[in-house]
Amino acid sequence: MKTSVVLALLALIATPMLADATPDGASIFKAKCAMCHGPDGSGQTAMGKSLRIRALGSAEVQKQTDAELTNIITNGKNKMLPYKGKLTSEEIRALVGHIRTFRR
């Protein structure tokens, strides 16, 4: 009986922790991407304009598959630095999901 009480308590404690473990794509974008891509993904920042960054909501970006976007974030492209080792695969997946919210 004691074991079942302990397991029930652990389940109650762990459940909120698991819910918090889901990365927030919007927060990651704000912290890691918005300085170049802009808070709205338009690329209309000083850095974005100088690098001629495409708007993340554009058809050109949005037609890319999740795997292609994941590869670009992970390994970088052109002047965009790679985030491999800086973001987890779950964080990158959440970031790709957030990029999809810019769809026009």
C-alpha atoms as a PDB file:
ATOM      1  CA  MET A   1       0.000   0.000   0.000  1.00  0.00           C
ATOM      2  CA  LYS A   2       2.855   2.342   0.826  1.00  0.00           C
ATOM      3  CA  THR A   3       4.331   1.856  -2.638  1.00  0.00           C
ATOM      4  CA  SER A   4       1.104   2.827  -4.379  1.00  0.00           C
ATOM      5  CA  VAL A   5       0.895   6.050  -2.355  1.00  0.00           C
ATOM      6  CA  VAL A   6       4.475   6.927  -3.257  1.00  0.00           C
ATOM      7  CA  LEU A   7       3.832   6.194  -6.940  1.00  0.00           C
ATOM      8  CA  ALA A   8       0.680   8.318  -6.898  1.00  0.00           C
ATOM      9  CA  LEU A   9       2.579  11.218  -5.334  1.00  0.00           C
ATOM     10  CA  LEU A  10       5.382  10.908  -7.873  1.00  0.00           C
ATOM     11  CA  ALA A  11       2.829  10.953 -10.686  1.00  0.00           C
ATOM     12  CA  LEU A  12       1.278  14.134  -9.286  1.00  0.00           C
ATOM     13  CA  ILE A  13       4.662  15.792  -9.009  1.00  0.00           C
ATOM     14  CA  ALA A  14       5.981  14.642 -12.400  1.00  0.00           C
ATOM     15  CA  THR A  15       2.914  15.513 -14.493  1.00  0.00           C
ATOM     16  CA  PRO A  16       3.325  19.311 -14.267  1.00  0.00           C
ATOM     17  CA  MET A  17       7.053  18.930 -14.887  1.00  0.00           C
ATOM     18  CA  LEU A  18       6.369  16.973 -18.067  1.00  0.00           C
ATOM     19  CA  ALA A  19       3.934  19.614 -19.263  1.00  0.00           C
ATOM     20  CA  ASP A  20       6.567  22.309 -18.717  1.00  0.00           C
ATOM     21  CA  ALA A  21       9.130  20.255 -20.658  1.00  0.00           C
ATOM     22  CA  THR A  22       7.471  21.089 -23.996  1.00  0.00           C
ATOM     23  CA  PRO A  23       9.576  23.798 -25.636  1.00  0.00           C
ATOM     24  CA  ASP A  24       7.839  27.060 -26.523  1.00  0.00           C
ATOM     25  CA  GLY A  25       8.632  27.871 -30.152  1.00  0.00           C
ATOM     26  CA  ALA A  26       7.587  31.518 -29.775  1.00  0.00           C
ATOM     27  CA  SER A  27       9.953  32.065 -26.845  1.00  0.00           C
ATOM     28  CA  ILE A  28      12.804  30.345 -28.644  1.00  0.00           C
ATOM     29  CA  PHE A  29      12.162  32.456 -31.748  1.00  0.00           C
ATOM     30  CA  LYS A  30      12.138  35.646 -29.687  1.00  0.00           C
ATOM     31  CA  ALA A  31      15.423  34.731 -27.977  1.00  0.00           C
ATOM     32  CA  LYS A  32      17.345  33.264 -30.919  1.00  0.00           C
ATOM     33  CA  CYS A  33      15.835  34.453 -34.202  1.00  0.00           C
ATOM     34  CA  ALA A  34      13.956  37.751 -33.877  1.00  0.00           C
ATOM     35  CA  MET A  35      17.110  39.871 -33.845  1.00  0.00           C
ATOM     36  CA  CYS A  36      17.600  39.067 -37.540  1.00  0.00           C
ATOM     37  CA  HIS A  37      14.219  37.773 -38.707  1.00  0.00           C
ATOM     38  CA  GLY A  38      12.178  40.343 -36.764  1.00  0.00           C
ATOM     39  CA  PRO A  39       9.468  39.579 -34.199  1.00  0.00           C
ATOM     40  CA  ASP A  40       6.966  39.007 -37.012  1.00  0.00           C
ATOM     41  CA  GLY A  41       9.346  36.948 -39.160  1.00  0.00           C
ATOM     42  CA  SER A  42       9.363  39.592 -41.911  1.00  0.00           C
ATOM     43  CA  GLY A  43      13.151  40.067 -41.882  1.00  0.00           C
ATOM     44  CA  GLN A  44      12.653  43.826 -41.626  1.00  0.00           C
ATOM     45  CA  THR A  45      15.494  44.433 -39.177  1.00  0.00           C
ATOM     46  CA  ALA A  46      18.805  46.138 -39.865  1.00  0.00           C
ATOM     47  CA  MET A  47      20.535  42.750 -39.977  1.00  0.00           C
ATOM     48  CA  GLY A  48      17.707  41.154 -41.933  1.00  0.00           C
ATOM     49  CA  LYS A  49      17.777  43.879 -44.556  1.00  0.00           C
ATOM     50  CA  SER A  50      21.559  43.770 -44.915  1.00  0.00           C
ATOM     51  CA  LEU A  51      21.468  39.975 -45.348  1.00  0.00           C
ATOM     52  CA  ARG A  52      18.368  40.124 -47.575  1.00  0.00           C
ATOM     53  CA  ILE A  53      16.541  37.645 -45.383  1.00  0.00           C
ATOM     54  CA  ARG A  54      13.340  36.288 -46.872  1.00  0.00           C
ATOM     55  CA  ALA A  55      10.134  36.753 -44.912  1.00  0.00           C
ATOM     56  CA  LEU A  56       9.392  33.542 -43.023  1.00  0.00           C
ATOM     57  CA  GLY A  57       5.727  33.861 -44.004  1.00  0.00           C
ATOM     58  CA  SER A  58       6.549  33.999 -47.721  1.00  0.00           C
ATOM     59  CA  ALA A  59       5.433  31.216 -50.026  1.00  0.00           C
ATOM     60  CA  GLU A  60       9.094  30.486 -50.779  1.00  0.00           C
ATOM     61  CA  VAL A  61       9.855  29.705 -47.130  1.00  0.00           C
ATOM     62  CA  GLN A  62       6.515  28.124 -46.268  1.00  0.00           C
ATOM     63  CA  LYS A  63       6.697  25.646 -49.181  1.00  0.00           C
ATOM     64  CA  GLN A  64       9.781  24.101 -47.580  1.00  0.00           C
ATOM     65  CA  THR A  65       9.127  20.896 -45.696  1.00  0.00           C
ATOM     66  CA  ASP A  66       9.554  20.650 -41.944  1.00  0.00           C
ATOM     67  CA  ALA A  67      12.623  18.500 -42.622  1.00  0.00           C
ATOM     68  CA  GLU A  68      14.138  21.223 -44.830  1.00  0.00           C
ATOM     69  CA  LEU A  69      13.500  23.934 -42.231  1.00  0.00           C
ATOM     70  CA  THR A  70      14.886  21.660 -39.513  1.00  0.00           C
ATOM     71  CA  ASN A  71      18.032  21.120 -41.582  1.00  0.00           C
ATOM     72  CA  ILE A  72      18.507  24.863 -42.130  1.00  0.00           C
ATOM     73  CA  ILE A  73      18.094  25.636 -38.418  1.00  0.00           C
ATOM     74  CA  THR A  74      20.310  22.724 -37.398  1.00  0.00           C
ATOM     75  CA  ASN A  75      23.125  23.170 -39.904  1.00  0.00           C
ATOM     76  CA  GLY A  76      22.788  26.812 -40.935  1.00  0.00           C
ATOM     77  CA  LYS A  77      22.552  28.196 -44.456  1.00  0.00           C
ATOM     78  CA  ASN A  78      24.525  30.933 -46.150  1.00  0.00           C
ATOM     79  CA  LYS A  79      25.283  33.451 -43.362  1.00  0.00           C
ATOM     80  CA  MET A  80      22.845  31.899 -40.877  1.00  0.00           C
ATOM     81  CA  LEU A  81      24.831  30.108 -38.216  1.00  0.00           C
ATOM     82  CA  PRO A  82      23.923  26.535 -37.226  1.00  0.00           C
ATOM     83  CA  TYR A  83      22.029  25.842 -34.034  1.00  0.00           C
ATOM     84  CA  LYS A  84      23.206  22.245 -33.777  1.00  0.00           C
ATOM     85  CA  GLY A  85      24.340  21.726 -30.198  1.00  0.00           C
ATOM     86  CA  LYS A  86      22.723  25.000 -29.141  1.00  0.00           C
ATOM     87  CA  LEU A  87      19.100  23.882 -29.447  1.00  0.00           C
ATOM     88  CA  THR A  88      17.693  20.426 -28.799  1.00  0.00           C
ATOM     89  CA  SER A  89      15.801  18.573 -31.518  1.00  0.00           C
ATOM     90  CA  GLU A  90      12.597  19.256 -29.553  1.00  0.00           C
ATOM     91  CA  GLU A  91      13.373  22.988 -29.470  1.00  0.00           C
ATOM     92  CA  ILE A  92      14.072  22.997 -33.200  1.00  0.00           C
ATOM     93  CA  ARG A  93      10.798  21.149 -33.836  1.00  0.00           C
ATOM     94  CA  ALA A  94       8.952  23.759 -31.759  1.00  0.00           C
ATOM     95  CA  LEU A  95      10.721  26.517 -33.690  1.00  0.00           C
ATOM     96  CA  VAL A  96       9.644  25.026 -37.028  1.00  0.00           C
ATOM     97  CA  GLY A  97       6.087  24.919 -35.684  1.00  0.00           C
ATOM     98  CA  HIS A  98       6.336  28.599 -34.770  1.00  0.00           C
ATOM     99  CA  ILE A  99       7.683  29.475 -38.219  1.00  0.00           C
ATOM    100  CA  ARG A 100       4.524  27.884 -39.651  1.00  0.00           C
ATOM    101  CA  THR A 101       2.456  30.492 -37.768  1.00  0.00           C
ATOM    102  CA  PHE A 102       3.911  33.187 -40.062  1.00  0.00           C
ATOM    103  CA  ARG A 103       2.154  31.614 -43.077  1.00  0.00           C
ATOM    104  CA  ARG A 104       0.331  34.300 -45.063  1.00  0.00           C
END
